[in-house]
Every structure is written in C-alpha cells, then in structure tokens.
Amino acid sequence: MKMTFRWFGVDNDSVTLDQIKQIPGMTGVVGSLFDVPVGEVWPMEKIKALKETVVNAGLELEVIESVNIHEDIKLGLPTRDHYIENYKQTLRHLSKFGIKVVCYNFMPVFDWTRSDLAKVLPDGSNVLSYDHNKIQTIDPNKMLEDMDANSNGYDLPGWEPERLKTIKTLFTAYQDVNEEKLLENLGYFLKEIIPVAEQCDIKMAIHPDDPPWSIFGLPRIVTSKERLEQIVNLVDSPYNGLTLCSGCLGANPNNNIPEIVRYFGGKGRIHFAHVRNVKIYEGGNFDEASHLSSDGSLDMFEIMKAYHDIDFKGYIRPDHGRMIWGEKARPGYGLYDRALGVTYLNGVWEAIGKMKKQK
C-alpha cells in the first residue's frame, strides 16, 4: 500500500507539504483543484502547477479527490452530455501528469453531512459528529449557514457556496429521482466515462455516501455491500472501482468492513482506501474518533488485516481526525491527529506483516 495525506493547497490548508513529508511512511498527497467550477474542464496549466508544487516538495501526486460530478449528470438532464464531455476532457488532462486514481461521489445536493463540526469530547478534543434527530428536524438552509459559520474560515469540500446557492431549486429537481433512477443515471455516466478512463489509465473510485442513508429525503445509493456490487457491475471493468471508506460505510453497523474489503479487494476493485474510526450510538448517531480501535466502534486491526490479506497495493490515507492540542484547522483535516492516525495504521500494517512471517 502507498500511504497518502489529503492536502487542499498552499492557499487553502493549514497543513504544509513540508509537515506532511515529515510524517513517517508518507509517500504523497491526495489533491484537487478547488477554484474550478463543478462541471468545467480542469485547465492543464493549473494541474501542472499543482503537480509541480507537490513534486518539488518531495512528494507524489497520483490521486485526485475529487473531480466533482455536476448535478445535471446525477439528475439525468439532457444537459448532462455536455458535462460528461467536460469530465472526459479533465481525465485526459489529468493523465498527462501521472494521475492514477480519481475519487468521486454521487451524492445528490449534499456531500458529507454532520450536525456538529466541533463536538467536544471528554478528553478536550473536538470532532465531527452526527445527530440523526437534529438532521431530521433542521432546515437545510439553516444547516448551510451553520456549516459556514463553524468552518474555521475554510471552504468545506462538498459544501462549496457556489454549488449550493440554488439549493431550493435542486430539492425540487430531485422530487422525481428515486434510488433506482439515481443508479440508472450513475450507469449512464460510467458507460460514457470508463472507456476514456481505460485509455487514460486512470482508475475511477466512487466514494460511499456519508452517512450511508437518505438525508432530507434525497436518494443515496452508495451505502452497502449490495449496492457496491450493483455499481461495479454497471460497467464490468477494473477501472470502475471503489474508494472504500471505513468511516462512511462503518457508520451503519450492518456493514462488515473487513468482509467488504476482502470481497471487493479480491476482485481488484478497491483503488483507494480511507481508513478512519467512528463511535456509534443508538438511533443512527455517531461521533468520529481517533484511529485507535478502542476509541471507536470499528476494529481497525481487522480492517487493516483485511487489506494486508488481499495484498493491497493501492493508495490509503487516514481520513478525518480529531482537533487536538489547540490546533485550528479545517474541521476534520488538522495535522496532528491525522499524523497520529498514519503512525497507528503504519504500525498495525508492520505488525501484521511480521506476524505472518513468524508463522
């Protein structure tokens, strides 16, 4: 496996490339362009500048997270073909700079959803938290205001103001889109995109819905092993694969993450791994946690063992971390706890390898 770290750019991240490079076992960063409107072609000069910045710091840039999907594609509107052609051209541009994986999601309107961006834990750290009752009763526009007010001054990925300024119109547009229609629209997109991805040698890796159930009555389809099976079968190609996020799928205790890793990893369909822990409570509530197994509800040892058992050679990164030691950063994306997460995951990986050699 290749350990990576998500990075939001020189002007949009409290964490520097020099700091990331000093984390033991780190090979590269997962980057993106956040100033290109969703649906537009990524300019080659901007990709080139990002690549050069990362490489000059002594790190690799081989994974992009995300090339976001325009809502017209998810809705299946006649205009989707224009945005799909733009997406294809973006893939062609990315391929010229050694990009190997593109992570994307297919969540309508909202990306990841939380009720609290800084819930204080007993140890004094704070975390992203989800309270199902709060989400069910809050007005979506109010939630947008709360997210912006508590973002520590950073744009939140998936919650870009320009993308969500037409939220009322989007809710109306999705009234006639159920889960099966959304899956059909994903299939249309993949049938167009995957042949280009194959030509460009870029693996497409869909990210699970976060959390893995409906929000505000909007359909969600990347939620379970069964749904993942449907998605990889929409286009039978190794370039149609997954970003396996343990925290997203793991928020539903019915999802057995080690089993899912072994099943899809055995098929060669996991191209990118997000590994994080969550503490699950009754009623669909959860807090994000440190990577340590005992701090959450997921067995991180078993998850990493599953990746080791399938001889995973893809990209992996620690996902959201706590905010600790007084750090002020983009919620979920500080340096300190994610660096601890890398060290923990690398230690588990090394221990599993040595245990196997002793047998």
Protein backbone atom coordinates (compact mmCIF):
# COMPACT_ATOMS: atom_id res chain seq x y z
CA MET A 1 0.00 0.00 0.00
CA LYS A 2 1.00 3.62 -0.51
CA MET A 3 0.28 5.95 2.43
CA THR A 4 -1.03 9.37 1.43
CA PHE A 5 -2.43 12.51 3.07
CA ARG A 6 -5.19 14.78 1.82
CA TRP A 7 -3.99 18.30 1.09
CA PHE A 8 -6.03 21.31 0.00
CA GLY A 9 -3.32 23.51 -1.49
CA VAL A 10 -0.90 26.24 -0.49
CA ASP A 11 -3.58 28.90 -0.02
CA ASN A 12 -6.34 26.71 1.40
CA ASP A 13 -4.75 24.44 4.00
CA SER A 14 -3.28 25.00 7.46
CA VAL A 15 -1.02 21.98 6.87
CA THR A 16 2.11 22.41 4.75
CA LEU A 17 3.76 19.96 2.39
CA ASP A 18 6.93 20.14 4.49
CA GLN A 19 4.96 18.97 7.53
CA ILE A 20 3.32 16.15 5.57
CA LYS A 21 6.69 14.97 4.24
CA GLN A 22 7.97 14.57 7.81
CA ILE A 23 5.27 12.03 8.71
CA PRO A 24 6.94 8.58 8.74
CA GLY A 25 5.96 6.36 5.83
CA MET A 26 4.33 9.14 3.80
CA THR A 27 4.62 8.80 0.01
CA GLY A 28 2.39 11.54 -1.36
CA VAL A 29 -0.66 13.72 -1.12
CA VAL A 30 -4.19 13.50 -2.44
CA GLY A 31 -5.01 16.80 -4.10
CA SER A 32 -7.62 18.66 -6.09
CA LEU A 33 -8.42 21.97 -7.77
CA PHE A 34 -10.97 23.87 -5.74
CA ASP A 35 -11.19 27.02 -7.86
CA VAL A 36 -12.59 25.32 -10.97
CA PRO A 37 -16.42 25.38 -11.03
CA VAL A 38 -18.07 21.96 -10.90
CA GLY A 39 -18.65 20.70 -14.42
CA GLU A 40 -15.93 22.75 -16.09
CA VAL A 41 -12.80 21.28 -17.68
CA TRP A 42 -9.74 21.37 -15.44
CA PRO A 43 -7.12 23.52 -17.22
CA MET A 44 -3.82 21.79 -17.90
CA GLU A 45 -1.80 24.73 -16.60
CA LYS A 46 -3.50 24.50 -13.18
CA ILE A 47 -2.96 20.73 -12.99
CA LYS A 48 0.66 21.25 -13.98
CA ALA A 49 1.17 23.88 -11.28
CA LEU A 50 -0.35 21.64 -8.60
CA LYS A 51 1.77 18.68 -9.68
CA GLU A 52 4.96 20.70 -9.70
CA THR A 53 4.27 22.15 -6.26
CA VAL A 54 3.84 18.69 -4.76
CA VAL A 55 6.75 17.05 -6.58
CA ASN A 56 9.10 19.91 -5.71
CA ALA A 57 8.30 19.25 -2.05
CA GLY A 58 9.49 15.65 -2.47
CA LEU A 59 6.05 14.02 -2.54
CA GLU A 60 3.91 12.25 -5.15
CA LEU A 61 0.58 13.36 -6.60
CA GLU A 62 -1.14 10.33 -8.13
CA VAL A 63 -4.65 10.58 -6.62
CA ILE A 64 -7.23 13.32 -7.14
CA GLU A 65 -10.12 13.78 -4.71
CA SER A 66 -12.43 14.90 -6.18
CA VAL A 67 -13.42 15.72 -9.71
CA ASN A 68 -16.96 16.55 -8.63
CA ILE A 69 -19.98 15.42 -10.64
CA HIS A 70 -22.32 18.14 -11.92
CA GLU A 71 -25.87 17.85 -10.56
CA ASP A 72 -27.27 17.66 -14.12
CA ILE A 73 -25.50 14.30 -14.50
CA LYS A 74 -26.99 12.97 -11.27
CA LEU A 75 -30.41 14.26 -12.28
CA GLY A 76 -30.17 12.74 -15.76
CA LEU A 77 -30.98 16.02 -17.51
CA PRO A 78 -30.40 16.49 -21.28
CA THR A 79 -27.54 18.87 -20.43
CA ARG A 80 -25.62 16.03 -18.77
CA ASP A 81 -23.85 15.09 -22.01
CA HIS A 82 -22.09 18.45 -22.09
CA TYR A 83 -20.78 17.98 -18.54
CA ILE A 84 -19.81 14.37 -19.21
CA GLU A 85 -17.73 15.51 -22.21
CA ASN A 86 -16.04 18.05 -19.94
CA TYR A 87 -15.34 15.27 -17.42
CA LYS A 88 -13.74 13.15 -20.11
CA GLN A 89 -11.50 16.03 -21.12
CA THR A 90 -10.49 16.57 -17.50
CA LEU A 91 -9.45 12.92 -17.29
CA ARG A 92 -7.36 13.32 -20.43
CA HIS A 93 -5.66 16.35 -18.92
CA LEU A 94 -5.01 14.59 -15.60
CA SER A 95 -3.50 11.59 -17.37
CA LYS A 96 -0.76 13.78 -18.84
CA PHE A 97 0.51 14.46 -15.31
CA GLY A 98 0.62 10.92 -13.97
CA ILE A 99 -2.70 10.81 -12.12
CA LYS A 100 -3.65 7.17 -11.48
CA VAL A 101 -6.87 7.40 -9.42
CA VAL A 102 -9.82 9.81 -9.36
CA CYS A 103 -12.07 9.63 -6.31
CA TYR A 104 -15.60 10.97 -6.80
CA ASN A 105 -19.04 10.70 -5.22
CA PHE A 106 -22.61 10.58 -6.49
CA MET A 107 -24.46 12.12 -3.54
CA PRO A 108 -27.32 14.43 -4.54
CA VAL A 109 -27.03 18.08 -3.44
CA PHE A 110 -25.09 17.46 -0.21
CA ASP A 111 -21.75 15.82 0.31
CA TRP A 112 -20.82 14.51 3.77
CA THR A 113 -23.30 15.66 6.44
CA ARG A 114 -22.73 16.40 10.13
CA SER A 115 -24.80 18.13 12.80
CA ASP A 116 -21.73 19.41 14.68
CA LEU A 117 -18.28 20.27 13.31
CA ALA A 118 -16.63 20.54 16.72
CA LYS A 119 -18.28 18.36 19.35
CA VAL A 120 -16.11 18.45 22.47
CA LEU A 121 -15.13 15.03 23.81
CA PRO A 122 -14.31 14.26 27.46
CA ASP A 123 -10.56 14.45 26.73
CA GLY A 124 -10.95 18.04 25.47
CA SER A 125 -10.51 17.25 21.77
CA ASN A 126 -13.31 18.00 19.34
CA VAL A 127 -14.69 16.00 16.44
CA LEU A 128 -17.19 15.93 13.62
CA SER A 129 -20.45 14.50 14.96
CA TYR A 130 -23.78 13.33 13.56
CA ASP A 131 -27.08 13.54 15.48
CA HIS A 132 -29.83 11.99 13.38
CA ASN A 133 -32.67 13.80 15.16
CA LYS A 134 -31.02 17.18 14.62
CA ILE A 135 -30.51 16.45 10.93
CA GLN A 136 -34.12 15.30 10.53
CA THR A 137 -35.52 18.49 12.06
CA ILE A 138 -33.13 21.19 10.83
CA ASP A 139 -33.89 23.30 7.77
CA PRO A 140 -31.27 22.60 5.07
CA ASN A 141 -30.66 26.33 4.56
CA LYS A 142 -30.01 26.73 8.30
CA MET A 143 -27.57 23.85 8.16
CA LEU A 144 -25.69 25.56 5.34
CA GLU A 145 -25.37 28.67 7.49
CA ASP A 146 -24.14 26.63 10.46
CA MET A 147 -21.56 24.79 8.37
CA ASP A 148 -20.20 28.05 7.01
CA ALA A 149 -20.11 29.68 10.45
CA ASN A 150 -18.20 26.80 12.02
CA SER A 151 -15.72 26.01 9.23
CA ASN A 152 -12.85 27.96 10.86
CA GLY A 153 -12.73 30.17 7.77
CA TYR A 154 -12.09 27.35 5.27
CA ASP A 155 -14.20 26.22 2.33
CA LEU A 156 -15.50 22.75 3.15
CA PRO A 157 -15.16 20.15 0.37
CA GLY A 158 -18.62 19.23 -0.87
CA TRP A 159 -20.18 22.33 0.68
CA GLU A 160 -18.93 24.96 -1.75
CA PRO A 161 -21.25 28.01 -1.58
CA GLU A 162 -21.49 28.43 -5.36
CA ARG A 163 -22.61 24.81 -5.75
CA LEU A 164 -25.29 25.06 -3.10
CA LYS A 165 -26.67 28.55 -3.72
CA THR A 166 -29.53 27.04 -5.72
CA ILE A 167 -30.46 24.52 -3.02
CA LYS A 168 -34.23 25.12 -3.22
CA THR A 169 -34.20 24.55 -6.97
CA LEU A 170 -32.16 21.38 -6.51
CA PHE A 171 -34.58 19.93 -3.97
CA THR A 172 -37.42 20.48 -6.41
CA ALA A 173 -35.45 18.89 -9.24
CA TYR A 174 -34.84 15.72 -7.21
CA GLN A 175 -38.51 15.13 -6.36
CA ASP A 176 -38.83 12.66 -9.24
CA VAL A 177 -35.46 10.94 -8.71
CA ASN A 178 -35.55 7.81 -6.55
CA GLU A 179 -32.70 5.40 -5.79
CA GLU A 180 -33.22 3.30 -8.90
CA LYS A 181 -33.31 6.36 -11.14
CA LEU A 182 -30.14 7.70 -9.49
CA LEU A 183 -28.44 4.32 -10.06
CA GLU A 184 -29.55 4.44 -13.69
CA ASN A 185 -28.04 7.92 -14.04
CA LEU A 186 -24.79 6.70 -12.49
CA GLY A 187 -24.76 3.84 -15.01
CA TYR A 188 -25.17 6.28 -17.90
CA PHE A 189 -22.25 8.33 -16.59
CA LEU A 190 -19.99 5.31 -16.08
CA LYS A 191 -20.71 3.82 -19.52
CA GLU A 192 -19.52 7.09 -21.03
CA ILE A 193 -16.57 7.68 -18.71
CA ILE A 194 -14.96 4.27 -18.19
CA PRO A 195 -13.73 3.78 -21.79
CA VAL A 196 -11.91 7.12 -21.51
CA ALA A 197 -10.57 6.16 -18.07
CA GLU A 198 -9.20 2.95 -19.59
CA GLN A 199 -7.50 4.90 -22.38
CA CYS A 200 -6.02 7.30 -19.81
CA ASP A 201 -5.06 4.55 -17.34
CA ILE A 202 -6.97 6.32 -14.57
CA LYS A 203 -8.94 4.21 -12.10
CA MET A 204 -12.33 5.69 -11.18
CA ALA A 205 -13.10 5.16 -7.48
CA ILE A 206 -16.57 6.05 -6.21
CA HIS A 207 -16.78 7.17 -2.58
CA PRO A 208 -19.53 5.85 -0.27
CA ASP A 209 -22.34 8.13 0.83
CA ASP A 210 -21.66 9.83 4.14
CA PRO A 211 -23.62 8.82 6.13
CA PRO A 212 -24.86 5.76 4.21
CA TRP A 213 -28.59 6.57 4.31
CA SER A 214 -31.00 9.14 2.95
CA ILE A 215 -30.65 12.77 4.08
CA PHE A 216 -33.58 15.21 3.76
CA GLY A 217 -35.45 12.66 1.66
CA LEU A 218 -32.78 12.67 -1.07
CA PRO A 219 -31.83 9.29 -2.56
CA ARG A 220 -28.47 7.71 -1.76
CA ILE A 221 -27.13 4.58 -3.41
CA VAL A 222 -23.50 4.01 -2.31
CA THR A 223 -24.47 2.60 1.05
CA SER A 224 -23.82 -1.15 1.41
CA LYS A 225 -22.08 -4.21 0.03
CA GLU A 226 -25.12 -4.98 -2.09
CA ARG A 227 -25.18 -1.50 -3.59
CA LEU A 228 -21.44 -1.54 -4.23
CA GLU A 229 -21.91 -4.81 -6.09
CA GLN A 230 -24.55 -3.19 -8.29
CA ILE A 231 -22.26 -0.27 -9.03
CA VAL A 232 -19.17 -2.26 -10.01
CA ASN A 233 -21.42 -4.37 -12.26
CA LEU A 234 -22.79 -1.33 -14.09
CA VAL A 235 -19.61 -1.42 -16.17
CA ASP A 236 -17.53 -4.57 -15.86
CA SER A 237 -14.09 -3.03 -15.91
CA PRO A 238 -11.27 -2.86 -13.35
CA TYR A 239 -11.31 0.89 -13.99
CA ASN A 240 -14.79 1.07 -12.44
CA GLY A 241 -13.86 0.73 -8.79
CA LEU A 242 -14.23 1.97 -5.26
CA THR A 243 -12.90 4.33 -2.67
CA LEU A 244 -13.52 2.13 0.38
CA CYS A 245 -14.19 4.48 3.30
CA SER A 246 -14.44 2.58 6.58
CA GLY A 247 -15.92 5.52 8.46
CA CYS A 248 -18.72 6.18 5.97
CA LEU A 249 -19.87 2.60 5.48
CA GLY A 250 -18.99 1.73 9.08
CA ALA A 251 -21.48 4.28 10.46
CA ASN A 252 -24.05 1.59 9.68
CA PRO A 253 -23.16 -1.36 11.95
CA ASN A 254 -24.74 -3.74 9.41
CA ASN A 255 -21.81 -3.08 7.09
CA ASN A 256 -19.00 -5.52 7.87
CA ILE A 257 -15.96 -3.54 6.70
CA PRO A 258 -13.33 -6.34 6.75
CA GLU A 259 -15.70 -8.58 4.78
CA ILE A 260 -16.36 -5.80 2.25
CA VAL A 261 -12.62 -5.14 1.88
CA ARG A 262 -11.87 -8.80 1.21
CA TYR A 263 -14.76 -9.22 -1.21
CA PHE A 264 -14.13 -6.22 -3.45
CA GLY A 265 -10.38 -6.24 -2.90
CA GLY A 266 -10.35 -9.82 -4.13
CA LYS A 267 -11.99 -8.58 -7.31
CA GLY A 268 -9.38 -5.86 -7.75
CA ARG A 269 -12.00 -3.14 -7.41
CA ILE A 270 -10.64 -1.15 -4.44
CA HIS A 271 -8.35 1.58 -5.76
CA PHE A 272 -8.29 3.95 -2.80
CA ALA A 273 -8.84 3.39 0.92
CA HIS A 274 -9.99 5.91 3.52
CA VAL A 275 -9.40 4.41 6.94
CA ARG A 276 -10.98 6.04 9.99
CA ASN A 277 -12.93 5.10 13.08
CA VAL A 278 -16.38 6.11 14.33
CA LYS A 279 -18.12 5.72 17.69
CA ILE A 280 -21.66 4.54 17.01
CA TYR A 281 -24.60 5.25 19.32
CA GLU A 282 -28.29 4.31 19.17
CA GLY A 283 -30.62 5.97 16.71
CA GLY A 284 -28.12 6.40 13.90
CA ASN A 285 -25.93 8.82 15.86
CA PHE A 286 -22.15 8.72 15.72
CA ASP A 287 -19.02 10.68 16.58
CA GLU A 288 -15.81 10.48 14.65
CA ALA A 289 -12.95 9.13 16.74
CA SER A 290 -9.22 8.65 16.80
CA HIS A 291 -7.92 5.76 14.71
CA LEU A 292 -7.33 3.61 17.80
CA SER A 293 -9.79 0.69 17.79
CA SER A 294 -10.77 1.09 21.44
CA ASP A 295 -11.77 4.73 20.87
CA GLY A 296 -14.49 3.80 18.39
CA SER A 297 -16.78 1.02 17.23
CA LEU A 298 -14.67 -0.32 14.37
CA ASP A 299 -11.88 -2.88 14.71
CA MET A 300 -9.09 -1.10 12.90
CA PHE A 301 -6.74 -4.07 13.28
CA GLU A 302 -9.17 -6.34 11.43
CA ILE A 303 -9.74 -3.72 8.75
CA MET A 304 -6.02 -3.32 8.13
CA LYS A 305 -5.56 -7.09 8.26
CA ALA A 306 -8.16 -7.44 5.53
CA TYR A 307 -6.18 -5.04 3.33
CA HIS A 308 -2.98 -6.93 4.13
CA ASP A 309 -4.61 -10.28 3.35
CA ILE A 310 -5.61 -9.10 -0.14
CA ASP A 311 -2.09 -7.73 -0.66
CA PHE A 312 -3.47 -4.24 -1.19
CA LYS A 313 -1.07 -2.18 -3.27
CA GLY A 314 -3.32 0.82 -3.79
CA TYR A 315 -3.47 4.19 -2.07
CA ILE A 316 -4.57 4.63 1.52
CA ARG A 317 -5.00 7.68 3.69
CA PRO A 318 -6.12 8.43 7.21
CA ASP A 319 -9.48 10.13 6.99
CA HIS A 320 -10.94 12.76 9.28
CA GLY A 321 -9.13 13.32 12.56
CA ARG A 322 -9.96 14.98 15.85
CA MET A 323 -8.85 18.52 16.54
CA ILE A 324 -6.27 18.20 19.32
CA TRP A 325 -3.56 20.19 21.11
CA GLY A 326 -5.21 23.53 20.39
CA GLU A 327 -4.92 23.22 16.62
CA LYS A 328 -7.10 25.47 14.45
CA ALA A 329 -7.70 23.94 11.04
CA ARG A 330 -10.36 22.87 8.58
CA PRO A 331 -12.76 20.63 10.57
CA GLY A 332 -11.61 17.04 10.31
CA TYR A 333 -8.41 17.95 8.50
CA GLY A 334 -5.89 19.10 11.05
CA LEU A 335 -2.31 17.86 11.06
CA TYR A 336 -1.81 16.33 14.48
CA ASP A 337 -4.46 13.66 14.82
CA ARG A 338 -4.24 12.59 11.20
CA ALA A 339 -0.46 12.24 11.60
CA LEU A 340 -1.10 10.09 14.67
CA GLY A 341 -3.52 8.09 12.53
CA VAL A 342 -0.86 7.48 9.89
CA THR A 343 1.58 6.27 12.52
CA TYR A 344 -1.03 3.98 14.06
CA LEU A 345 -2.04 2.48 10.70
CA ASN A 346 1.58 2.01 9.64
CA GLY A 347 2.35 0.32 12.96
CA VAL A 348 -0.57 -2.07 12.59
CA TRP A 349 0.45 -2.82 9.00
CA GLU A 350 4.04 -3.56 10.01
CA ALA A 351 2.92 -5.77 12.91
CA ILE A 352 0.57 -7.80 10.70
CA GLY A 353 3.36 -8.39 8.18
CA LYS A 354 5.80 -9.54 10.83
CA MET A 355 3.23 -11.80 12.49
CA LYS A 356 2.63 -13.54 9.17
CA LYS A 357 6.35 -14.12 8.64
CA GLN A 358 6.61 -15.79 12.04
CA LYS A 359 4.00 -18.43 11.21
